[in-house]
Amino acid sequence: MGVRNYWISLGERASEDLFAWSAFVAQTEFLWQDSALVQDAVAWQRVWFELEIINGLALAQWDDEGRPDDWSGVWDKVYRQEAAGLATELVGLTKDSRAIKIKSPTS
């Protein structure tokens, strides 16, 4: 699997749950520096910052609720759809993107 395909695959799974999302956010933080992969570093950083906001809000809420083992109901209801959209947008900034669409939980 090529590097770009790896990130697409990771992006497709990123919104599955809070922990997949947090891992995706952490792993994509510095990708904007890879000019062979990212078309527009400024746009990447702008979108990534939105990912980090969702990540921070979700982690804070999960922590405030006592770090339950199963938090999927809250994640799905409050965060998942926006996370899927942002993952699609971020992965779409990779070079040679061809109408990448990450499935949202409602599609």
Protein backbone atom coordinates (compact mmCIF):
# COMPACT_ATOMS: atom_id res chain seq x y z
CA MET A 1 0.00 0.00 0.00
CA GLY A 2 1.38 3.40 -0.96
CA VAL A 3 1.81 6.24 1.49
CA ARG A 4 -1.15 8.17 0.14
CA ASN A 5 -3.37 5.10 0.21
CA TYR A 6 -2.33 4.48 3.81
CA TRP A 7 -3.58 7.94 4.82
CA ILE A 8 -6.81 7.49 2.86
CA SER A 9 -7.41 4.18 4.61
CA LEU A 10 -6.66 5.70 7.99
CA GLY A 11 -8.97 8.62 7.22
CA GLU A 12 -11.78 6.24 6.31
CA ARG A 13 -11.59 4.66 9.76
CA ALA A 14 -10.85 7.85 11.70
CA SER A 15 -14.39 8.68 12.73
CA GLU A 16 -15.28 5.16 13.93
CA ASP A 17 -14.75 6.08 17.57
CA LEU A 18 -13.01 8.54 19.84
CA PHE A 19 -9.80 6.54 20.03
CA ALA A 20 -9.48 6.06 16.26
CA TRP A 21 -10.11 9.80 15.92
CA SER A 22 -7.48 10.75 18.48
CA ALA A 23 -4.92 8.50 16.79
CA PHE A 24 -5.73 9.99 13.36
CA VAL A 25 -5.39 13.54 14.70
CA ALA A 26 -2.05 12.73 16.34
CA GLN A 27 -0.67 10.93 13.28
CA THR A 28 -1.61 13.70 10.84
CA GLU A 29 -0.37 16.66 12.86
CA PHE A 30 2.89 17.18 10.98
CA LEU A 31 2.01 15.78 7.55
CA TRP A 32 1.66 19.32 6.20
CA GLN A 33 5.47 19.36 6.10
CA ASP A 34 5.53 16.56 3.50
CA SER A 35 5.38 18.45 0.20
CA ALA A 36 5.35 15.16 -1.71
CA LEU A 37 2.03 14.27 -0.06
CA VAL A 38 0.26 17.53 0.78
CA GLN A 39 -0.85 19.99 -1.89
CA ASP A 40 -1.51 23.03 0.32
CA ALA A 41 0.25 23.16 3.67
CA VAL A 42 -1.69 26.21 4.86
CA ALA A 43 -5.06 24.59 4.10
CA TRP A 44 -3.88 21.36 5.74
CA GLN A 45 -2.99 23.18 8.95
CA ARG A 46 -6.34 25.03 8.95
CA VAL A 47 -8.34 21.80 8.58
CA TRP A 48 -6.11 19.92 11.01
CA PHE A 49 -6.74 22.59 13.65
CA GLU A 50 -10.47 21.88 13.30
CA LEU A 51 -9.72 18.17 13.83
CA GLU A 52 -7.83 19.07 16.99
CA ILE A 53 -10.76 21.13 18.30
CA ILE A 54 -13.14 18.17 17.85
CA ASN A 55 -10.54 15.93 19.47
CA GLY A 56 -10.12 18.21 22.47
CA LEU A 57 -13.85 18.69 22.98
CA ALA A 58 -14.61 14.99 22.70
CA LEU A 59 -11.75 13.92 24.99
CA ALA A 60 -12.77 16.52 27.58
CA GLN A 61 -16.38 15.35 27.53
CA TRP A 62 -15.33 11.69 27.73
CA ASP A 63 -13.09 12.55 30.69
CA ASP A 64 -15.83 14.59 32.40
CA GLU A 65 -18.17 11.60 32.06
CA GLY A 66 -15.72 9.36 33.92
CA ARG A 67 -13.91 7.82 30.92
CA PRO A 68 -16.51 5.13 30.25
CA ASP A 69 -15.38 2.04 28.36
CA ASP A 70 -18.23 2.39 25.88
CA TRP A 71 -18.71 5.98 24.79
CA SER A 72 -19.84 5.15 21.26
CA GLY A 73 -23.37 6.49 21.72
CA VAL A 74 -22.14 9.98 22.58
CA TRP A 75 -19.45 9.88 19.89
CA ASP A 76 -21.93 8.80 17.22
CA LYS A 77 -24.56 11.36 18.22
CA VAL A 78 -22.38 14.42 18.85
CA TYR A 79 -19.08 14.12 17.01
CA ARG A 80 -18.92 11.39 14.38
CA GLN A 81 -20.56 13.11 11.43
CA GLU A 82 -18.46 16.25 11.72
CA ALA A 83 -15.33 14.16 12.26
CA ALA A 84 -16.01 12.15 9.09
CA GLY A 85 -16.46 15.37 7.10
CA LEU A 86 -13.22 16.83 8.41
CA ALA A 87 -11.33 13.59 7.73
CA THR A 88 -12.63 13.67 4.15
CA GLU A 89 -11.54 17.27 3.78
CA LEU A 90 -8.09 16.64 5.22
CA VAL A 91 -7.40 13.54 3.14
CA GLY A 92 -8.70 15.45 0.11
CA LEU A 93 -5.73 17.78 0.49
CA THR A 94 -3.28 15.02 -0.38
CA LYS A 95 -1.77 15.20 -3.83
CA ASP A 96 -3.54 13.43 -6.66
CA SER A 97 -6.81 13.24 -4.75
CA ARG A 98 -9.66 12.02 -6.89
CA ALA A 99 -13.01 12.77 -5.29
CA ILE A 100 -12.18 11.06 -2.02
CA LYS A 101 -15.32 10.56 0.01
CA ILE A 102 -15.16 9.02 3.44
CA LYS A 103 -18.41 7.40 4.45
CA SER A 104 -20.25 9.27 7.15
CA PRO A 105 -22.18 7.23 9.69
CA THR A 106 -25.45 8.29 8.07
CA SER A 107 -24.55 7.31 4.49
